[in-house]
Amino acid sequence: MPAEYVDGYFMPVPTAADPIELLCGNGKTTGAVHIEVKHDVPNWSDALNCMGNAIVNGKPAPGRGRTEYVWRFGEKVMVVVVGEYSVITAYPTDGLEETWIECSAAA
């Protein structure tokens, strides 16, 4: 990921309150490129809906400079980690593409 795009705005994650920003990221540990490549995003429509569902319905666990949301729906678990300014990462714990789609439709 070219350095000039790392802090660039990618898309908003819809939530019940204000949307949370999703930045492009560095492709290795944070942001949209990291999430898409490492966590098998099938499409961004489902991924954004899924992340929003997890933030709204999940149990927040505040940490140092971040909050981890863990949402259990059916037999599946989705995790979204939000930093001070944007989503750091998001992933289904089973690592399956179809879980993103199920999570998007679950709420």
PDB file of N, CA and C in Angstrom:
ATOM      1  N   MET A   1       0.850  -1.165   0.000  1.00  0.00           N
ATOM      2  CA  MET A   1       0.000   0.000   0.000  1.00  0.00           C
ATOM      3  C   MET A   1       0.901   1.235   0.000  1.00  0.00           C
ATOM      4  N   PRO A   2       0.773   2.096  -0.998  1.00  0.00           N
ATOM      5  CA  PRO A   2       1.576   3.323  -1.011  1.00  0.00           C
ATOM      6  C   PRO A   2       1.291   4.188   0.217  1.00  0.00           C
ATOM      7  N   ALA A   3       2.332   4.737   0.789  1.00  0.00           N
ATOM      8  CA  ALA A   3       2.222   5.504   2.037  1.00  0.00           C
ATOM      9  C   ALA A   3       1.216   6.640   1.951  1.00  0.00           C
ATOM     10  N   GLU A   4       1.078   7.268   0.791  1.00  0.00           N
ATOM     11  CA  GLU A   4       0.153   8.405   0.681  1.00  0.00           C
ATOM     12  C   GLU A   4      -1.316   8.007   0.798  1.00  0.00           C
ATOM     13  N   TYR A   5      -1.628   6.718   0.711  1.00  0.00           N
ATOM     14  CA  TYR A   5      -3.018   6.260   0.822  1.00  0.00           C
ATOM     15  C   TYR A   5      -3.373   5.642   2.168  1.00  0.00           C
ATOM     16  N   VAL A   6      -2.399   5.335   2.980  1.00  0.00           N
ATOM     17  CA  VAL A   6      -2.623   4.638   4.249  1.00  0.00           C
ATOM     18  C   VAL A   6      -3.660   5.343   5.123  1.00  0.00           C
ATOM     19  N   ASP A   7      -3.571   6.647   5.266  1.00  0.00           N
ATOM     20  CA  ASP A   7      -4.510   7.394   6.099  1.00  0.00           C
ATOM     21  C   ASP A   7      -5.712   7.911   5.314  1.00  0.00           C
ATOM     22  N   GLY A   8      -5.856   7.468   4.081  1.00  0.00           N
ATOM     23  CA  GLY A   8      -6.967   7.920   3.246  1.00  0.00           C
ATOM     24  C   GLY A   8      -8.289   7.307   3.670  1.00  0.00           C
ATOM     25  N   TYR A   9      -9.357   8.054   3.465  1.00  0.00           N
ATOM     26  CA  TYR A   9     -10.708   7.623   3.808  1.00  0.00           C
ATOM     27  C   TYR A   9     -11.175   6.579   2.808  1.00  0.00           C
ATOM     28  N   PHE A  10     -11.754   5.491   3.295  1.00  0.00           N
ATOM     29  CA  PHE A  10     -12.270   4.449   2.410  1.00  0.00           C
ATOM     30  C   PHE A  10     -13.794   4.499   2.362  1.00  0.00           C
ATOM     31  N   MET A  11     -14.460   4.189   3.472  1.00  0.00           N
ATOM     32  CA  MET A  11     -15.924   4.191   3.540  1.00  0.00           C
ATOM     33  C   MET A  11     -16.367   4.335   4.987  1.00  0.00           C
ATOM     34  N   PRO A  12     -17.632   4.741   5.186  1.00  0.00           N
ATOM     35  CA  PRO A  12     -18.157   4.756   6.554  1.00  0.00           C
ATOM     36  C   PRO A  12     -18.769   3.398   6.913  1.00  0.00           C
ATOM     37  N   VAL A  13     -18.638   3.014   8.172  1.00  0.00           N
ATOM     38  CA  VAL A  13     -19.301   1.815   8.680  1.00  0.00           C
ATOM     39  C   VAL A  13     -20.586   2.292   9.349  1.00  0.00           C
ATOM     40  N   PRO A  14     -21.744   1.863   8.840  1.00  0.00           N
ATOM     41  CA  PRO A  14     -23.008   2.348   9.411  1.00  0.00           C
ATOM     42  C   PRO A  14     -23.245   1.782  10.807  1.00  0.00           C
ATOM     43  N   THR A  15     -23.631   2.651  11.722  1.00  0.00           N
ATOM     44  CA  THR A  15     -23.981   2.232  13.080  1.00  0.00           C
ATOM     45  C   THR A  15     -25.254   2.964  13.481  1.00  0.00           C
ATOM     46  N   ALA A  16     -25.781   2.657  14.639  1.00  0.00           N
ATOM     47  CA  ALA A  16     -27.001   3.314  15.113  1.00  0.00           C
ATOM     48  C   ALA A  16     -26.751   4.798  15.375  1.00  0.00           C
ATOM     49  N   ALA A  17     -25.547   5.137  15.767  1.00  0.00           N
ATOM     50  CA  ALA A  17     -25.183   6.539  16.012  1.00  0.00           C
ATOM     51  C   ALA A  17     -24.466   7.054  14.762  1.00  0.00           C
ATOM     52  N   ASP A  18     -23.442   7.833  14.945  1.00  0.00           N
ATOM     53  CA  ASP A  18     -22.661   8.317  13.815  1.00  0.00           C
ATOM     54  C   ASP A  18     -21.875   7.172  13.192  1.00  0.00           C
ATOM     55  N   PRO A  19     -21.718   7.202  11.870  1.00  0.00           N
ATOM     56  CA  PRO A  19     -20.891   6.166  11.237  1.00  0.00           C
ATOM     57  C   PRO A  19     -19.455   6.239  11.741  1.00  0.00           C
ATOM     58  N   ILE A  20     -18.794   5.104  11.714  1.00  0.00           N
ATOM     59  CA  ILE A  20     -17.388   5.029  12.095  1.00  0.00           C
ATOM     60  C   ILE A  20     -16.575   4.943  10.809  1.00  0.00           C
ATOM     61  N   GLU A  21     -15.517   5.711  10.734  1.00  0.00           N
ATOM     62  CA  GLU A  21     -14.699   5.717   9.530  1.00  0.00           C
ATOM     63  C   GLU A  21     -13.916   4.426   9.379  1.00  0.00           C
ATOM     64  N   LEU A  22     -13.727   4.057   8.121  1.00  0.00           N
ATOM     65  CA  LEU A  22     -12.838   2.961   7.770  1.00  0.00           C
ATOM     66  C   LEU A  22     -11.818   3.553   6.810  1.00  0.00           C
ATOM     67  N   LEU A  23     -10.569   3.575   7.240  1.00  0.00           N
ATOM     68  CA  LEU A  23      -9.492   4.120   6.420  1.00  0.00           C
ATOM     69  C   LEU A  23      -8.895   3.016   5.549  1.00  0.00           C
ATOM     70  N   CYS A  24      -8.157   3.405   4.541  1.00  0.00           N
ATOM     71  CA  CYS A  24      -7.522   2.423   3.653  1.00  0.00           C
ATOM     72  C   CYS A  24      -6.590   1.503   4.426  1.00  0.00           C
ATOM     73  N   GLY A  25      -5.782   2.062   5.314  1.00  0.00           N
ATOM     74  CA  GLY A  25      -4.898   1.262   6.151  1.00  0.00           C
ATOM     75  C   GLY A  25      -3.603   0.892   5.469  1.00  0.00           C
ATOM     76  N   ASN A  26      -2.813   0.117   6.171  1.00  0.00           N
ATOM     77  CA  ASN A  26      -1.486  -0.217   5.664  1.00  0.00           C
ATOM     78  C   ASN A  26      -1.433  -1.558   4.935  1.00  0.00           C
ATOM     79  N   GLY A  27      -2.531  -2.269   4.892  1.00  0.00           N
ATOM     80  CA  GLY A  27      -2.559  -3.551   4.192  1.00  0.00           C
ATOM     81  C   GLY A  27      -1.989  -4.709   4.975  1.00  0.00           C
ATOM     82  N   LYS A  28      -1.366  -4.435   6.116  1.00  0.00           N
ATOM     83  CA  LYS A  28      -0.751  -5.501   6.911  1.00  0.00           C
ATOM     84  C   LYS A  28      -1.447  -5.704   8.249  1.00  0.00           C
ATOM     85  N   THR A  29      -1.742  -4.606   8.947  1.00  0.00           N
ATOM     86  CA  THR A  29      -2.331  -4.749  10.287  1.00  0.00           C
ATOM     87  C   THR A  29      -3.575  -3.918  10.505  1.00  0.00           C
ATOM     88  N   THR A  30      -3.864  -2.954   9.654  1.00  0.00           N
ATOM     89  CA  THR A  30      -5.032  -2.096   9.881  1.00  0.00           C
ATOM     90  C   THR A  30      -5.706  -1.710   8.580  1.00  0.00           C
ATOM     91  N   GLY A  31      -6.987  -1.361   8.705  1.00  0.00           N
ATOM     92  CA  GLY A  31      -7.720  -0.742   7.618  1.00  0.00           C
ATOM     93  C   GLY A  31      -8.339  -1.680   6.602  1.00  0.00           C
ATOM     94  N   ALA A  32      -8.947  -1.054   5.596  1.00  0.00           N
ATOM     95  CA  ALA A  32      -9.726  -1.775   4.595  1.00  0.00           C
ATOM     96  C   ALA A  32      -8.902  -2.785   3.792  1.00  0.00           C
ATOM     97  N   VAL A  33      -7.712  -2.401   3.383  1.00  0.00           N
ATOM     98  CA  VAL A  33      -6.894  -3.321   2.584  1.00  0.00           C
ATOM     99  C   VAL A  33      -6.539  -4.554   3.412  1.00  0.00           C
ATOM    100  N   HIS A  34      -6.160  -4.340   4.651  1.00  0.00           N
ATOM    101  CA  HIS A  34      -5.853  -5.463   5.556  1.00  0.00           C
ATOM    102  C   HIS A  34      -7.070  -6.372   5.722  1.00  0.00           C
ATOM    103  N   ILE A  35      -8.227  -5.781   5.999  1.00  0.00           N
ATOM    104  CA  ILE A  35      -9.436  -6.576   6.232  1.00  0.00           C
ATOM    105  C   ILE A  35      -9.796  -7.383   4.984  1.00  0.00           C
ATOM    106  N   GLU A  36      -9.760  -6.736   3.833  1.00  0.00           N
ATOM    107  CA  GLU A  36     -10.137  -7.432   2.595  1.00  0.00           C
ATOM    108  C   GLU A  36      -9.193  -8.587   2.275  1.00  0.00           C
ATOM    109  N   VAL A  37      -7.921  -8.349   2.365  1.00  0.00           N
ATOM    110  CA  VAL A  37      -6.950  -9.367   1.980  1.00  0.00           C
ATOM    111  C   VAL A  37      -6.817 -10.474   3.025  1.00  0.00           C
ATOM    112  N   LYS A  38      -6.657 -10.107   4.273  1.00  0.00           N
ATOM    113  CA  LYS A  38      -6.400 -11.110   5.314  1.00  0.00           C
ATOM    114  C   LYS A  38      -7.662 -11.849   5.765  1.00  0.00           C
ATOM    115  N   HIS A  39      -8.815 -11.167   5.734  1.00  0.00           N
ATOM    116  CA  HIS A  39     -10.013 -11.760   6.320  1.00  0.00           C
ATOM    117  C   HIS A  39     -11.100 -12.084   5.295  1.00  0.00           C
ATOM    118  N   ASP A  40     -10.708 -12.263   4.050  1.00  0.00           N
ATOM    119  CA  ASP A  40     -11.578 -12.805   2.990  1.00  0.00           C
ATOM    120  C   ASP A  40     -12.933 -12.120   2.857  1.00  0.00           C
ATOM    121  N   VAL A  41     -12.931 -10.821   2.641  1.00  0.00           N
ATOM    122  CA  VAL A  41     -14.169 -10.065   2.437  1.00  0.00           C
ATOM    123  C   VAL A  41     -14.764 -10.456   1.083  1.00  0.00           C
ATOM    124  N   PRO A  42     -16.008 -10.954   1.061  1.00  0.00           N
ATOM    125  CA  PRO A  42     -16.619 -11.346  -0.211  1.00  0.00           C
ATOM    126  C   PRO A  42     -17.026 -10.123  -1.042  1.00  0.00           C
ATOM    127  N   ASN A  43     -17.539  -9.085  -0.366  1.00  0.00           N
ATOM    128  CA  ASN A  43     -17.898  -7.822  -1.015  1.00  0.00           C
ATOM    129  C   ASN A  43     -18.054  -6.769   0.079  1.00  0.00           C
ATOM    130  N   TRP A  44     -17.864  -5.504  -0.287  1.00  0.00           N
ATOM    131  CA  TRP A  44     -17.865  -4.456   0.728  1.00  0.00           C
ATOM    132  C   TRP A  44     -19.251  -4.109   1.240  1.00  0.00           C
ATOM    133  N   SER A  45     -20.278  -4.345   0.481  1.00  0.00           N
ATOM    134  CA  SER A  45     -21.634  -4.089   0.974  1.00  0.00           C
ATOM    135  C   SER A  45     -21.924  -4.968   2.193  1.00  0.00           C
ATOM    136  N   ASP A  46     -21.695  -6.269   2.058  1.00  0.00           N
ATOM    137  CA  ASP A  46     -21.911  -7.180   3.186  1.00  0.00           C
ATOM    138  C   ASP A  46     -20.938  -6.906   4.322  1.00  0.00           C
ATOM    139  N   ALA A  47     -19.688  -6.609   3.988  1.00  0.00           N
ATOM    140  CA  ALA A  47     -18.688  -6.363   5.031  1.00  0.00           C
ATOM    141  C   ALA A  47     -19.061  -5.148   5.880  1.00  0.00           C
ATOM    142  N   LEU A  48     -19.471  -4.058   5.248  1.00  0.00           N
ATOM    143  CA  LEU A  48     -19.837  -2.854   5.998  1.00  0.00           C
ATOM    144  C   LEU A  48     -21.081  -3.088   6.845  1.00  0.00           C
ATOM    145  N   ASN A  49     -22.091  -3.766   6.282  1.00  0.00           N
ATOM    146  CA  ASN A  49     -23.293  -4.084   7.064  1.00  0.00           C
ATOM    147  C   ASN A  49     -22.947  -4.978   8.243  1.00  0.00           C
ATOM    148  N   CYS A  50     -22.095  -5.957   8.007  1.00  0.00           N
ATOM    149  CA  CYS A  50     -21.677  -6.878   9.063  1.00  0.00           C
ATOM    150  C   CYS A  50     -20.945  -6.133  10.176  1.00  0.00           C
ATOM    151  N   MET A  51     -19.994  -5.284   9.811  1.00  0.00           N
ATOM    152  CA  MET A  51     -19.267  -4.526  10.832  1.00  0.00           C
ATOM    153  C   MET A  51     -20.217  -3.633  11.619  1.00  0.00           C
ATOM    154  N   GLY A  52     -21.160  -2.993  10.937  1.00  0.00           N
ATOM    155  CA  GLY A  52     -22.147  -2.172  11.634  1.00  0.00           C
ATOM    156  C   GLY A  52     -22.989  -2.989  12.591  1.00  0.00           C
ATOM    157  N   ASN A  53     -23.420  -4.170  12.150  1.00  0.00           N
ATOM    158  CA  ASN A  53     -24.197  -5.061  13.016  1.00  0.00           C
ATOM    159  C   ASN A  53     -23.403  -5.450  14.260  1.00  0.00           C
ATOM    160  N   ALA A  54     -22.126  -5.766  14.064  1.00  0.00           N
ATOM    161  CA  ALA A  54     -21.297  -6.182  15.190  1.00  0.00           C
ATOM    162  C   ALA A  54     -21.085  -5.043  16.184  1.00  0.00           C
ATOM    163  N   ILE A  55     -20.921  -3.831  15.677  1.00  0.00           N
ATOM    164  CA  ILE A  55     -20.726  -2.682  16.568  1.00  0.00           C
ATOM    165  C   ILE A  55     -22.007  -2.364  17.330  1.00  0.00           C
ATOM    166  N   VAL A  56     -23.140  -2.410  16.660  1.00  0.00           N
ATOM    167  CA  VAL A  56     -24.422  -2.093  17.301  1.00  0.00           C
ATOM    168  C   VAL A  56     -24.860  -3.194  18.267  1.00  0.00           C
ATOM    169  N   ASN A  57     -24.694  -4.455  17.873  1.00  0.00           N
ATOM    170  CA  ASN A  57     -25.218  -5.581  18.656  1.00  0.00           C
ATOM    171  C   ASN A  57     -24.182  -6.298  19.515  1.00  0.00           C
ATOM    172  N   GLY A  58     -22.925  -6.029  19.265  1.00  0.00           N
ATOM    173  CA  GLY A  58     -21.868  -6.749  19.973  1.00  0.00           C
ATOM    174  C   GLY A  58     -21.593  -6.211  21.358  1.00  0.00           C
ATOM    175  N   LYS A  59     -20.880  -7.017  22.102  1.00  0.00           N
ATOM    176  CA  LYS A  59     -20.477  -6.622  23.451  1.00  0.00           C
ATOM    177  C   LYS A  59     -19.143  -5.883  23.343  1.00  0.00           C
ATOM    178  N   PRO A  60     -19.112  -4.594  23.762  1.00  0.00           N
ATOM    179  CA  PRO A  60     -17.855  -3.851  23.682  1.00  0.00           C
ATOM    180  C   PRO A  60     -16.917  -4.174  24.835  1.00  0.00           C
ATOM    181  N   ALA A  61     -15.639  -4.301  24.517  1.00  0.00           N
ATOM    182  CA  ALA A  61     -14.604  -4.512  25.528  1.00  0.00           C
ATOM    183  C   ALA A  61     -13.542  -3.433  25.312  1.00  0.00           C
ATOM    184  N   PRO A  62     -13.624  -2.352  26.091  1.00  0.00           N
ATOM    185  CA  PRO A  62     -12.643  -1.278  25.929  1.00  0.00           C
ATOM    186  C   PRO A  62     -11.245  -1.727  26.337  1.00  0.00           C
ATOM    187  N   GLY A  63     -10.271  -1.236  25.581  1.00  0.00           N
ATOM    188  CA  GLY A  63      -8.871  -1.527  25.884  1.00  0.00           C
ATOM    189  C   GLY A  63      -8.062  -0.255  25.763  1.00  0.00           C
ATOM    190  N   ARG A  64      -6.775  -0.403  25.642  1.00  0.00           N
ATOM    191  CA  ARG A  64      -5.891   0.757  25.535  1.00  0.00           C
ATOM    192  C   ARG A  64      -5.995   1.372  24.139  1.00  0.00           C
ATOM    193  N   GLY A  65      -6.749   2.457  24.030  1.00  0.00           N
ATOM    194  CA  GLY A  65      -6.879   3.160  22.769  1.00  0.00           C
ATOM    195  C   GLY A  65      -7.732   2.470  21.733  1.00  0.00           C
ATOM    196  N   ARG A  66      -8.492   1.466  22.146  1.00  0.00           N
ATOM    197  CA  ARG A  66      -9.338   0.729  21.198  1.00  0.00           C
ATOM    198  C   ARG A  66     -10.491   0.067  21.924  1.00  0.00           C
ATOM    199  N   THR A  67     -11.501  -0.278  21.164  1.00  0.00           N
ATOM    200  CA  THR A  67     -12.627  -1.039  21.689  1.00  0.00           C
ATOM    201  C   THR A  67     -12.849  -2.234  20.772  1.00  0.00           C
ATOM    202  N   GLU A  68     -12.950  -3.407  21.365  1.00  0.00           N
ATOM    203  CA  GLU A  68     -13.219  -4.617  20.604  1.00  0.00           C
ATOM    204  C   GLU A  68     -14.683  -4.991  20.804  1.00  0.00           C
ATOM    205  N   TYR A  69     -15.401  -5.125  19.704  1.00  0.00           N
ATOM    206  CA  TYR A  69     -16.803  -5.549  19.737  1.00  0.00           C
ATOM    207  C   TYR A  69     -16.866  -7.012  19.315  1.00  0.00           C
ATOM    208  N   VAL A  70     -17.504  -7.829  20.125  1.00  0.00           N
ATOM    209  CA  VAL A  70     -17.667  -9.247  19.813  1.00  0.00           C
ATOM    210  C   VAL A  70     -19.159  -9.530  19.745  1.00  0.00           C
ATOM    211  N   TRP A  71     -19.596  -9.984  18.579  1.00  0.00           N
ATOM    212  CA  TRP A  71     -21.016 -10.253  18.373  1.00  0.00           C
ATOM    213  C   TRP A  71     -21.222 -11.715  18.013  1.00  0.00           C
ATOM    214  N   ARG A  72     -22.026 -12.386  18.835  1.00  0.00           N
ATOM    215  CA  ARG A  72     -22.397 -13.774  18.569  1.00  0.00           C
ATOM    216  C   ARG A  72     -23.778 -13.787  17.937  1.00  0.00           C
ATOM    217  N   PHE A  73     -23.878 -14.374  16.763  1.00  0.00           N
ATOM    218  CA  PHE A  73     -25.166 -14.528  16.081  1.00  0.00           C
ATOM    219  C   PHE A  73     -25.254 -15.980  15.615  1.00  0.00           C
ATOM    220  N   GLY A  74     -26.253 -16.674  16.141  1.00  0.00           N
ATOM    221  CA  GLY A  74     -26.347 -18.103  15.879  1.00  0.00           C
ATOM    222  C   GLY A  74     -25.110 -18.808  16.419  1.00  0.00           C
ATOM    223  N   GLU A  75     -24.482 -19.587  15.581  1.00  0.00           N
ATOM    224  CA  GLU A  75     -23.268 -20.319  15.955  1.00  0.00           C
ATOM    225  C   GLU A  75     -21.993 -19.566  15.565  1.00  0.00           C
ATOM    226  N   LYS A  76     -22.134 -18.361  15.053  1.00  0.00           N
ATOM    227  CA  LYS A  76     -21.003 -17.599  14.516  1.00  0.00           C
ATOM    228  C   LYS A  76     -20.608 -16.450  15.436  1.00  0.00           C
ATOM    229  N   VAL A  77     -19.375 -15.965  15.257  1.00  0.00           N
ATOM    230  CA  VAL A  77     -18.866 -14.834  16.040  1.00  0.00           C
ATOM    231  C   VAL A  77     -18.144 -13.875  15.097  1.00  0.00           C
ATOM    232  N   MET A  78     -18.471 -12.596  15.233  1.00  0.00           N
ATOM    233  CA  MET A  78     -17.814 -11.544  14.465  1.00  0.00           C
ATOM    234  C   MET A  78     -17.105 -10.611  15.430  1.00  0.00           C
ATOM    235  N   VAL A  79     -15.891 -10.200  15.087  1.00  0.00           N
ATOM    236  CA  VAL A  79     -15.096  -9.288  15.915  1.00  0.00           C
ATOM    237  C   VAL A  79     -14.780  -8.041  15.098  1.00  0.00           C
ATOM    238  N   VAL A  80     -14.995  -6.872  15.700  1.00  0.00           N
ATOM    239  CA  VAL A  80     -14.618  -5.604  15.077  1.00  0.00           C
ATOM    240  C   VAL A  80     -13.820  -4.817  16.114  1.00  0.00           C
ATOM    241  N   VAL A  81     -12.636  -4.358  15.728  1.00  0.00           N
ATOM    242  CA  VAL A  81     -11.787  -3.582  16.618  1.00  0.00           C
ATOM    243  C   VAL A  81     -11.745  -2.146  16.094  1.00  0.00           C
ATOM    244  N   VAL A  82     -12.166  -1.214  16.958  1.00  0.00           N
ATOM    245  CA  VAL A  82     -12.232   0.192  16.589  1.00  0.00           C
ATOM    246  C   VAL A  82     -11.225   0.972  17.416  1.00  0.00           C
ATOM    247  N   GLY A  83     -10.393   1.739  16.734  1.00  0.00           N
ATOM    248  CA  GLY A  83      -9.423   2.584  17.401  1.00  0.00           C
ATOM    249  C   GLY A  83      -9.997   3.962  17.654  1.00  0.00           C
ATOM    250  N   GLU A  84      -9.146   4.878  18.019  1.00  0.00           N
ATOM    251  CA  GLU A  84      -9.584   6.231  18.339  1.00  0.00           C
ATOM    252  C   GLU A  84     -10.211   6.934  17.137  1.00  0.00           C
ATOM    253  N   TYR A  85      -9.714   6.637  15.935  1.00  0.00           N
ATOM    254  CA  TYR A  85     -10.178   7.356  14.751  1.00  0.00           C
ATOM    255  C   TYR A  85     -10.903   6.517  13.713  1.00  0.00           C
ATOM    256  N   SER A  86     -10.718   5.202  13.751  1.00  0.00           N
ATOM    257  CA  SER A  86     -11.326   4.386  12.701  1.00  0.00           C
ATOM    258  C   SER A  86     -11.297   2.903  13.073  1.00  0.00           C
ATOM    259  N   VAL A  87     -11.911   2.099  12.211  1.00  0.00           N
ATOM    260  CA  VAL A  87     -11.870   0.645  12.371  1.00  0.00           C
ATOM    261  C   VAL A  87     -10.440   0.181  12.117  1.00  0.00           C
ATOM    262  N   ILE A  88      -9.922  -0.622  13.031  1.00  0.00           N
ATOM    263  CA  ILE A  88      -8.576  -1.173  12.872  1.00  0.00           C
ATOM    264  C   ILE A  88      -8.653  -2.468  12.073  1.00  0.00           C
ATOM    265  N   THR A  89      -9.522  -3.370  12.524  1.00  0.00           N
ATOM    266  CA  THR A  89      -9.693  -4.642  11.834  1.00  0.00           C
ATOM    267  C   THR A  89     -11.078  -5.199  12.130  1.00  0.00           C
ATOM    268  N   ALA A  90     -11.465  -6.179  11.348  1.00  0.00           N
ATOM    269  CA  ALA A  90     -12.741  -6.876  11.539  1.00  0.00           C
ATOM    270  C   ALA A  90     -12.599  -8.257  10.911  1.00  0.00           C
ATOM    271  N   TYR A  91     -13.195  -9.259  11.572  1.00  0.00           N
ATOM    272  CA  TYR A  91     -13.069 -10.607  11.042  1.00  0.00           C
ATOM    273  C   TYR A  91     -14.071 -11.550  11.706  1.00  0.00           C
ATOM    274  N   PRO A  92     -14.542 -12.547  10.948  1.00  0.00           N
ATOM    275  CA  PRO A  92     -15.318 -13.627  11.550  1.00  0.00           C
ATOM    276  C   PRO A  92     -14.334 -14.615  12.157  1.00  0.00           C
ATOM    277  N   THR A  93     -14.637 -15.132  13.335  1.00  0.00           N
ATOM    278  CA  THR A  93     -13.681 -16.021  14.001  1.00  0.00           C
ATOM    279  C   THR A  93     -13.479 -17.341  13.267  1.00  0.00           C
ATOM    280  N   ASP A  94     -14.444 -17.736  12.429  1.00  0.00           N
ATOM    281  CA  ASP A  94     -14.265 -18.980  11.674  1.00  0.00           C
ATOM    282  C   ASP A  94     -13.486 -18.753  10.371  1.00  0.00           C
ATOM    283  N   GLY A  95     -13.237 -17.485  10.020  1.00  0.00           N
ATOM    284  CA  GLY A  95     -12.445 -17.168   8.842  1.00  0.00           C
ATOM    285  C   GLY A  95     -13.115 -17.420   7.510  1.00  0.00           C
ATOM    286  N   LEU A  96     -14.416 -17.666   7.501  1.00  0.00           N
ATOM    287  CA  LEU A  96     -15.109 -18.020   6.261  1.00  0.00           C
ATOM    288  C   LEU A  96     -15.756 -16.807   5.586  1.00  0.00           C
ATOM    289  N   GLU A  97     -15.624 -16.741   4.263  1.00  0.00           N
ATOM    290  CA  GLU A  97     -16.246 -15.671   3.485  1.00  0.00           C
ATOM    291  C   GLU A  97     -17.751 -15.598   3.706  1.00  0.00           C
ATOM    292  N   GLU A  98     -18.399 -16.754   3.718  1.00  0.00           N
ATOM    293  CA  GLU A  98     -19.858 -16.760   3.848  1.00  0.00           C
ATOM    294  C   GLU A  98     -20.344 -16.223   5.183  1.00  0.00           C
ATOM    295  N   THR A  99     -19.490 -16.227   6.202  1.00  0.00           N
ATOM    296  CA  THR A  99     -19.872 -15.681   7.502  1.00  0.00           C
ATOM    297  C   THR A  99     -20.109 -14.177   7.400  1.00  0.00           C
ATOM    298  N   TRP A 100     -19.330 -13.468   6.585  1.00  0.00           N
ATOM    299  CA  TRP A 100     -19.564 -12.044   6.373  1.00  0.00           C
ATOM    300  C   TRP A 100     -20.995 -11.811   5.854  1.00  0.00           C
ATOM    301  N   ILE A 101     -21.415 -12.638   4.917  1.00  0.00           N
ATOM    302  CA  ILE A 101     -22.737 -12.508   4.303  1.00  0.00           C
ATOM    303  C   ILE A 101     -23.819 -12.837   5.322  1.00  0.00           C
ATOM    304  N   GLU A 102     -23.630 -13.906   6.093  1.00  0.00           N
ATOM    305  CA  GLU A 102     -24.590 -14.275   7.133  1.00  0.00           C
ATOM    306  C   GLU A 102     -24.679 -13.188   8.191  1.00  0.00           C
ATOM    307  N   CYS A 103     -23.549 -12.624   8.569  1.00  0.00           N
ATOM    308  CA  CYS A 103     -23.496 -11.556   9.572  1.00  0.00           C
ATOM    309  C   CYS A 103     -24.224 -10.309   9.075  1.00  0.00           C
ATOM    310  N   SER A 104     -24.061  -9.993   7.793  1.00  0.00           N
ATOM    311  CA  SER A 104     -24.720  -8.831   7.196  1.00  0.00           C
ATOM    312  C   SER A 104     -26.236  -8.957   7.283  1.00  0.00           C
ATOM    313  N   ALA A 105     -26.739 -10.156   7.092  1.00  0.00           N
ATOM    314  CA  ALA A 105     -28.175 -10.388   7.083  1.00  0.00           C
ATOM    315  C   ALA A 105     -28.767 -10.720   8.438  1.00  0.00           C
ATOM    316  N   ALA A 106     -27.931 -10.891   9.456  1.00  0.00           N
ATOM    317  CA  ALA A 106     -28.382 -11.426  10.748  1.00  0.00           C
ATOM    318  C   ALA A 106     -29.167 -10.448  11.616  1.00  0.00           C
ATOM    319  N   ALA A 107     -28.948  -9.173  11.499  1.00  0.00           N
ATOM    320  CA  ALA A 107     -29.606  -8.225  12.420  1.00  0.00           C
ATOM    321  C   ALA A 107     -30.998  -7.850  11.957  1.00  0.00           C
TER     322      ALA A 107
END
